[in-house]
Every structure is written in C-alpha cells, then in structure tokens.
Amino acid sequence: KADVLVMVDSDQHPDLLLLFRGPKEVVAWDDHAEVAAMELTLVSKPKDGLNRCAFPLKDLKANVAMLLEKGLRVGVCDEDDAGNVKVKEAKK
C-alpha cells in the first residue's frame, strides 16, 4: 500500500489529504498521517518506514466532515480487485 500511496500522492493528487479505506479501518500514510493525526487528535506511528495513522471505518464520515470543516481537501482511496486505486474527492 505504501508504494501505491507515493504514486497516487505525488503523481495524481498532490493537494489532497489521502485516506485509504480498508475493510475495517481507514489509513493515512507518511505526511498525510501527520496531518490527519494532528487535525483529528489521533496518533501517528511508524510502520514499514512510513508514518501511519488509522481510525475505524465506522468513523470515516464524521472524520471526513471534520477535515472538510477545517478547510482541508480530502481524497478517499479505494482499491479494486485488480489492485487499481481510485481516488474520490470528498465534498461537503
């Protein structure tokens, strides 16, 4: 997932705070993890050489709303069965 983040972040959506939706949790990596942790009052911890910040999937809607209210642009990333990542920008 970390390699995917670098590709999506730097090449396609450099101005979005990227959140990766998994089956049970939502994860932000690297610099995105630092921003998410600070804005959502969460903890960012290193994993696989990158900072990682995660929260339960059930909190996605509320956390995205909070980030949008703070003026951030948020992209929610989903991986399809073929391993392709699709980014959808969240709107108020």
N, C-alpha and C. Protein backbone atom coordinates (compact mmCIF):
# COMPACT_ATOMS: atom_id res chain seq x y z
N LYS A 1 0.82 -1.20 0.00
CA LYS A 1 0.00 0.00 0.00
C LYS A 1 0.86 1.26 0.00
N ALA A 2 1.99 1.23 0.67
CA ALA A 2 2.82 2.42 0.74
C ALA A 2 3.30 2.84 -0.64
N ASP A 3 3.68 1.89 -1.51
CA ASP A 3 4.12 2.23 -2.86
C ASP A 3 2.98 2.86 -3.64
N VAL A 4 1.78 2.38 -3.46
CA VAL A 4 0.61 2.94 -4.13
C VAL A 4 0.41 4.38 -3.67
N LEU A 5 0.55 4.63 -2.39
CA LEU A 5 0.36 5.98 -1.85
C LEU A 5 1.30 6.96 -2.51
N VAL A 6 2.57 6.60 -2.62
CA VAL A 6 3.55 7.52 -3.21
C VAL A 6 3.16 7.83 -4.65
N MET A 7 2.74 6.82 -5.43
CA MET A 7 2.34 7.04 -6.81
C MET A 7 1.10 7.93 -6.88
N VAL A 8 0.08 7.62 -6.11
CA VAL A 8 -1.16 8.39 -6.14
C VAL A 8 -0.90 9.80 -5.64
N ASP A 9 -0.18 9.94 -4.56
CA ASP A 9 0.06 11.24 -3.94
C ASP A 9 0.85 12.16 -4.86
N SER A 10 2.02 11.75 -5.28
CA SER A 10 2.90 12.67 -6.00
C SER A 10 2.51 12.86 -7.45
N ASP A 11 1.88 11.89 -8.07
CA ASP A 11 1.60 11.98 -9.49
C ASP A 11 0.18 12.43 -9.82
N GLN A 12 -0.76 12.13 -8.97
CA GLN A 12 -2.14 12.35 -9.35
C GLN A 12 -2.89 13.37 -8.50
N HIS A 13 -2.66 13.39 -7.20
CA HIS A 13 -3.46 14.23 -6.32
C HIS A 13 -2.60 14.86 -5.21
N PRO A 14 -1.63 15.69 -5.58
CA PRO A 14 -0.72 16.21 -4.56
C PRO A 14 -1.37 17.17 -3.56
N ASP A 15 -2.55 17.70 -3.88
CA ASP A 15 -3.18 18.68 -2.99
C ASP A 15 -4.27 18.09 -2.11
N LEU A 16 -4.45 16.77 -2.15
CA LEU A 16 -5.47 16.13 -1.31
C LEU A 16 -4.85 15.41 -0.13
N LEU A 17 -5.54 15.43 0.99
CA LEU A 17 -5.18 14.58 2.12
C LEU A 17 -5.77 13.22 1.79
N LEU A 18 -4.92 12.22 1.56
CA LEU A 18 -5.39 10.92 1.11
C LEU A 18 -5.65 9.97 2.27
N LEU A 19 -6.84 9.40 2.27
CA LEU A 19 -7.23 8.40 3.25
C LEU A 19 -7.56 7.11 2.50
N PHE A 20 -6.93 6.01 2.89
CA PHE A 20 -7.13 4.73 2.23
C PHE A 20 -8.13 3.88 3.02
N ARG A 21 -9.26 3.58 2.38
CA ARG A 21 -10.32 2.81 3.04
C ARG A 21 -9.99 1.32 2.93
N GLY A 22 -9.96 0.66 4.09
CA GLY A 22 -9.78 -0.78 4.13
C GLY A 22 -11.06 -1.44 4.62
N PRO A 23 -11.04 -2.75 4.82
CA PRO A 23 -12.26 -3.44 5.26
C PRO A 23 -12.71 -3.05 6.67
N LYS A 24 -11.77 -2.69 7.53
CA LYS A 24 -12.13 -2.38 8.93
C LYS A 24 -11.62 -1.03 9.40
N GLU A 25 -10.67 -0.44 8.67
CA GLU A 25 -10.11 0.83 9.11
C GLU A 25 -9.74 1.69 7.92
N VAL A 26 -9.52 2.95 8.22
CA VAL A 26 -9.08 3.93 7.23
C VAL A 26 -7.67 4.36 7.64
N VAL A 27 -6.76 4.40 6.68
CA VAL A 27 -5.36 4.68 6.99
C VAL A 27 -4.85 5.84 6.15
N ALA A 28 -4.07 6.70 6.79
CA ALA A 28 -3.30 7.74 6.10
C ALA A 28 -1.83 7.41 6.30
N TRP A 29 -1.03 7.64 5.29
CA TRP A 29 0.39 7.32 5.34
C TRP A 29 1.25 8.57 5.22
N ASP A 30 2.44 8.50 5.78
CA ASP A 30 3.51 9.48 5.61
C ASP A 30 3.07 10.89 6.04
N ASP A 31 3.25 11.89 5.20
CA ASP A 31 2.87 13.26 5.58
C ASP A 31 1.37 13.38 5.82
N HIS A 32 0.59 12.60 5.10
CA HIS A 32 -0.86 12.60 5.26
C HIS A 32 -1.23 12.10 6.66
N ALA A 33 -0.45 11.15 7.16
CA ALA A 33 -0.69 10.62 8.50
C ALA A 33 -0.46 11.69 9.55
N GLU A 34 0.58 12.49 9.35
CA GLU A 34 0.87 13.57 10.30
C GLU A 34 -0.26 14.59 10.35
N VAL A 35 -0.76 14.97 9.17
CA VAL A 35 -1.85 15.96 9.11
C VAL A 35 -3.12 15.37 9.72
N ALA A 36 -3.47 14.15 9.33
CA ALA A 36 -4.68 13.51 9.86
C ALA A 36 -4.60 13.38 11.38
N ALA A 37 -3.45 12.95 11.88
CA ALA A 37 -3.29 12.79 13.32
C ALA A 37 -3.46 14.12 14.05
N MET A 38 -2.85 15.17 13.52
CA MET A 38 -2.95 16.48 14.16
C MET A 38 -4.38 17.01 14.13
N GLU A 39 -5.02 16.93 12.97
CA GLU A 39 -6.36 17.52 12.82
C GLU A 39 -7.45 16.71 13.50
N LEU A 40 -7.25 15.39 13.62
CA LEU A 40 -8.27 14.53 14.23
C LEU A 40 -7.92 14.11 15.65
N THR A 41 -6.83 14.66 16.18
CA THR A 41 -6.34 14.33 17.52
C THR A 41 -6.14 12.82 17.66
N LEU A 42 -5.39 12.27 16.71
CA LEU A 42 -5.05 10.85 16.72
C LEU A 42 -3.54 10.70 16.83
N VAL A 43 -3.07 9.47 16.83
CA VAL A 43 -1.64 9.19 16.94
C VAL A 43 -1.13 8.68 15.60
N SER A 44 0.04 9.15 15.22
CA SER A 44 0.73 8.66 14.03
C SER A 44 1.92 7.84 14.48
N LYS A 45 2.03 6.62 13.96
CA LYS A 45 3.13 5.73 14.34
C LYS A 45 3.83 5.23 13.10
N PRO A 46 5.15 4.97 13.19
CA PRO A 46 5.85 4.44 12.03
C PRO A 46 5.49 2.98 11.76
N LYS A 47 5.34 2.65 10.47
CA LYS A 47 5.13 1.27 10.02
C LYS A 47 5.71 1.15 8.61
N ASP A 48 6.51 0.15 8.39
CA ASP A 48 7.12 -0.09 7.08
C ASP A 48 7.90 1.14 6.58
N GLY A 49 8.52 1.86 7.50
CA GLY A 49 9.34 3.01 7.12
C GLY A 49 8.58 4.30 6.87
N LEU A 50 7.25 4.27 7.04
CA LEU A 50 6.42 5.47 6.85
C LEU A 50 5.57 5.70 8.08
N ASN A 51 5.21 6.95 8.32
CA ASN A 51 4.25 7.23 9.38
C ASN A 51 2.89 6.70 8.96
N ARG A 52 2.12 6.22 9.94
CA ARG A 52 0.81 5.66 9.68
C ARG A 52 -0.16 6.16 10.74
N CYS A 53 -1.34 6.57 10.31
CA CYS A 53 -2.40 7.00 11.21
C CYS A 53 -3.66 6.27 10.75
N ALA A 54 -4.36 5.63 11.68
CA ALA A 54 -5.55 4.87 11.31
C ALA A 54 -6.69 5.14 12.28
N PHE A 55 -7.91 4.96 11.77
CA PHE A 55 -9.10 5.05 12.61
C PHE A 55 -10.13 4.06 12.07
N PRO A 56 -11.10 3.67 12.89
CA PRO A 56 -12.09 2.69 12.46
C PRO A 56 -12.92 3.18 11.26
N LEU A 57 -13.27 2.25 10.39
CA LEU A 57 -14.05 2.57 9.21
C LEU A 57 -15.37 3.26 9.57
N LYS A 58 -15.95 2.87 10.69
CA LYS A 58 -17.24 3.46 11.10
C LYS A 58 -17.13 4.96 11.36
N ASP A 59 -15.92 5.49 11.56
CA ASP A 59 -15.71 6.91 11.83
C ASP A 59 -15.37 7.72 10.57
N LEU A 60 -15.38 7.08 9.41
CA LEU A 60 -14.95 7.77 8.19
C LEU A 60 -15.78 9.01 7.89
N LYS A 61 -17.09 8.88 7.88
CA LYS A 61 -17.95 10.01 7.52
C LYS A 61 -17.74 11.20 8.46
N ALA A 62 -17.72 10.95 9.76
CA ALA A 62 -17.54 12.03 10.74
C ALA A 62 -16.16 12.66 10.61
N ASN A 63 -15.13 11.83 10.43
CA ASN A 63 -13.78 12.38 10.34
C ASN A 63 -13.57 13.17 9.05
N VAL A 64 -14.12 12.70 7.95
CA VAL A 64 -14.01 13.46 6.70
C VAL A 64 -14.74 14.79 6.85
N ALA A 65 -15.92 14.79 7.44
CA ALA A 65 -16.66 16.03 7.66
C ALA A 65 -15.84 17.01 8.50
N MET A 66 -15.17 16.50 9.52
CA MET A 66 -14.36 17.36 10.39
C MET A 66 -13.18 17.96 9.60
N LEU A 67 -12.54 17.14 8.78
CA LEU A 67 -11.42 17.63 7.98
C LEU A 67 -11.87 18.68 6.96
N LEU A 68 -13.02 18.46 6.34
CA LEU A 68 -13.56 19.42 5.39
C LEU A 68 -13.90 20.74 6.08
N GLU A 69 -14.47 20.65 7.27
CA GLU A 69 -14.80 21.87 8.02
C GLU A 69 -13.56 22.67 8.37
N LYS A 70 -12.42 21.99 8.49
CA LYS A 70 -11.15 22.66 8.80
C LYS A 70 -10.49 23.21 7.54
N GLY A 71 -11.17 23.05 6.40
CA GLY A 71 -10.67 23.62 5.15
C GLY A 71 -9.74 22.73 4.35
N LEU A 72 -9.61 21.48 4.73
CA LEU A 72 -8.74 20.56 4.00
C LEU A 72 -9.49 19.92 2.84
N ARG A 73 -8.77 19.59 1.79
CA ARG A 73 -9.34 18.79 0.70
C ARG A 73 -8.99 17.34 0.99
N VAL A 74 -9.97 16.47 0.91
CA VAL A 74 -9.80 15.07 1.31
C VAL A 74 -10.12 14.16 0.15
N GLY A 75 -9.24 13.18 -0.09
CA GLY A 75 -9.49 12.15 -1.09
C GLY A 75 -9.58 10.81 -0.40
N VAL A 76 -10.65 10.08 -0.67
CA VAL A 76 -10.82 8.73 -0.11
C VAL A 76 -10.45 7.75 -1.20
N CYS A 77 -9.51 6.88 -0.91
CA CYS A 77 -8.96 5.94 -1.88
C CYS A 77 -9.50 4.55 -1.63
N ASP A 78 -9.92 3.90 -2.70
CA ASP A 78 -10.40 2.52 -2.65
C ASP A 78 -9.62 1.72 -3.67
N GLU A 79 -9.29 0.47 -3.32
CA GLU A 79 -8.57 -0.41 -4.22
C GLU A 79 -9.56 -1.42 -4.79
N ASP A 80 -9.54 -1.59 -6.13
CA ASP A 80 -10.44 -2.58 -6.73
C ASP A 80 -9.78 -3.96 -6.73
N ASP A 81 -10.48 -4.94 -7.26
CA ASP A 81 -9.98 -6.32 -7.24
C ASP A 81 -8.70 -6.50 -8.04
N ALA A 82 -8.46 -5.62 -9.01
CA ALA A 82 -7.26 -5.70 -9.83
C ALA A 82 -6.08 -4.97 -9.22
N GLY A 83 -6.28 -4.33 -8.05
CA GLY A 83 -5.21 -3.61 -7.39
C GLY A 83 -5.08 -2.16 -7.82
N ASN A 84 -6.02 -1.68 -8.63
CA ASN A 84 -6.01 -0.28 -9.05
C ASN A 84 -6.64 0.57 -7.95
N VAL A 85 -6.04 1.72 -7.69
CA VAL A 85 -6.54 2.63 -6.66
C VAL A 85 -7.36 3.73 -7.31
N LYS A 86 -8.56 3.94 -6.81
CA LYS A 86 -9.41 5.02 -7.30
C LYS A 86 -9.57 6.04 -6.18
N VAL A 87 -9.39 7.30 -6.51
CA VAL A 87 -9.47 8.39 -5.54
C VAL A 87 -10.75 9.19 -5.82
N LYS A 88 -11.55 9.37 -4.80
CA LYS A 88 -12.74 10.19 -4.92
C LYS A 88 -12.62 11.32 -3.92
N GLU A 89 -12.70 12.55 -4.41
CA GLU A 89 -12.59 13.70 -3.53
C GLU A 89 -13.89 13.85 -2.74
N ALA A 90 -13.76 14.01 -1.43
CA ALA A 90 -14.92 14.20 -0.56
C ALA A 90 -15.42 15.62 -0.70
N LYS A 91 -16.73 15.78 -0.64
CA LYS A 91 -17.36 17.11 -0.73
C LYS A 91 -18.21 17.33 0.50
N LYS A 92 -18.41 18.60 0.85
CA LYS A 92 -19.26 18.96 1.99
C LYS A 92 -20.69 18.61 1.69
